[in-house]
Amino acid sequence: MYGEHHDLVHELPEHREAIHTLKTENAHFARLFEQYHEVDKHIRRVEQEIEVVSDEHAEELKRKRLALKDELFAMIRKHEDAAA
């Protein structure tokens, strides 16, 4: 849906605690988390027609957001598995 927020905690609410822990204890996770949210913000600006980009660039941004989400989710799962 256009303009919808895809922040990581909203997308993965059941992992809220792990996300918080990783953001504060893992600098690499924190950097990726910030990149994810910057890309998501950029996509929302495009979808709300605040910023104009080509369709190809918009799709590239969405692929980047998905790749970051996948990498972050893998780190979350690894953290949770280690804590179990």
Protein backbone atom coordinates (compact mmCIF):
# COMPACT_ATOMS: atom_id res chain seq x y z
CA MET A 1 0.00 0.00 0.00
CA TYR A 2 1.36 3.41 -0.94
CA GLY A 3 2.70 5.54 1.86
CA GLU A 4 2.41 2.72 4.38
CA HIS A 5 5.06 2.65 7.07
CA HIS A 6 7.23 -0.43 6.95
CA ASP A 7 9.30 0.28 10.04
CA LEU A 8 10.96 -2.87 11.29
CA VAL A 9 9.16 -3.06 14.64
CA HIS A 10 5.81 -2.68 12.84
CA GLU A 11 6.81 -5.37 10.34
CA LEU A 12 8.18 -7.75 13.01
CA PRO A 13 6.38 -6.89 16.28
CA GLU A 14 7.02 -10.31 17.83
CA HIS A 15 10.77 -9.55 17.67
CA ARG A 16 10.58 -6.13 19.35
CA GLU A 17 12.84 -7.10 22.26
CA ALA A 18 15.53 -8.64 20.04
CA ILE A 19 15.46 -5.60 17.75
CA HIS A 20 15.96 -3.26 20.70
CA THR A 21 18.80 -5.37 22.10
CA LEU A 22 20.57 -5.64 18.75
CA LYS A 23 20.20 -1.91 18.06
CA THR A 24 21.93 -1.09 21.32
CA GLU A 25 24.55 -3.87 21.38
CA ASN A 26 25.44 -4.53 17.72
CA ALA A 27 26.84 -1.63 15.70
CA HIS A 28 26.46 -3.48 12.38
CA PHE A 29 22.78 -4.19 13.09
CA ALA A 30 22.26 -0.57 14.14
CA ARG A 31 23.78 0.68 10.84
CA LEU A 32 21.63 -1.68 8.75
CA PHE A 33 18.57 -0.73 10.82
CA GLU A 34 19.21 2.94 10.08
CA GLN A 35 19.76 2.23 6.37
CA TYR A 36 16.51 0.26 6.26
CA HIS A 37 14.56 3.16 7.75
CA GLU A 38 16.20 5.72 5.44
CA VAL A 39 15.28 3.64 2.39
CA ASP A 40 11.73 3.15 3.73
CA LYS A 41 11.39 6.90 4.29
CA HIS A 42 12.62 7.56 0.74
CA ILE A 43 10.08 5.08 -0.66
CA ARG A 44 7.24 6.75 1.27
CA ARG A 45 8.27 10.14 -0.14
CA VAL A 46 8.18 8.68 -3.65
CA GLU A 47 4.82 6.97 -3.09
CA GLN A 48 3.33 10.17 -1.67
CA GLU A 49 4.64 12.01 -4.73
CA ILE A 50 6.77 14.33 -2.60
CA GLU A 51 9.78 13.14 -4.57
CA VAL A 52 9.77 12.06 -8.21
CA VAL A 53 11.94 9.16 -9.41
CA SER A 54 11.76 6.75 -12.31
CA ASP A 55 9.77 3.55 -11.91
CA GLU A 56 13.03 1.61 -12.19
CA HIS A 57 14.58 3.57 -9.33
CA ALA A 58 11.46 3.11 -7.19
CA GLU A 59 11.63 -0.65 -7.76
CA GLU A 60 15.36 -0.63 -6.97
CA LEU A 61 14.61 1.10 -3.66
CA LYS A 62 11.97 -1.51 -2.82
CA ARG A 63 14.41 -4.33 -3.61
CA LYS A 64 17.03 -2.67 -1.39
CA ARG A 65 14.51 -2.35 1.47
CA LEU A 66 13.61 -6.03 1.12
CA ALA A 67 17.27 -7.11 1.06
CA LEU A 68 17.98 -5.05 4.20
CA LYS A 69 14.91 -6.50 5.91
CA ASP A 70 16.03 -10.04 5.04
CA GLU A 71 19.53 -9.38 6.41
CA LEU A 72 18.17 -7.79 9.58
CA PHE A 73 15.70 -10.63 10.09
CA ALA A 74 18.50 -13.19 9.73
CA MET A 75 20.46 -11.35 12.42
CA ILE A 76 17.38 -11.25 14.67
CA ARG A 77 16.79 -14.99 14.26
CA LYS A 78 20.46 -15.76 14.97
CA HIS A 79 20.33 -13.61 18.11
CA GLU A 80 17.12 -15.26 19.32
CA ASP A 81 18.44 -18.76 18.60
CA ALA A 82 21.61 -18.00 20.58
CA ALA A 83 19.55 -16.68 23.48
CA ALA A 84 17.33 -19.78 23.60
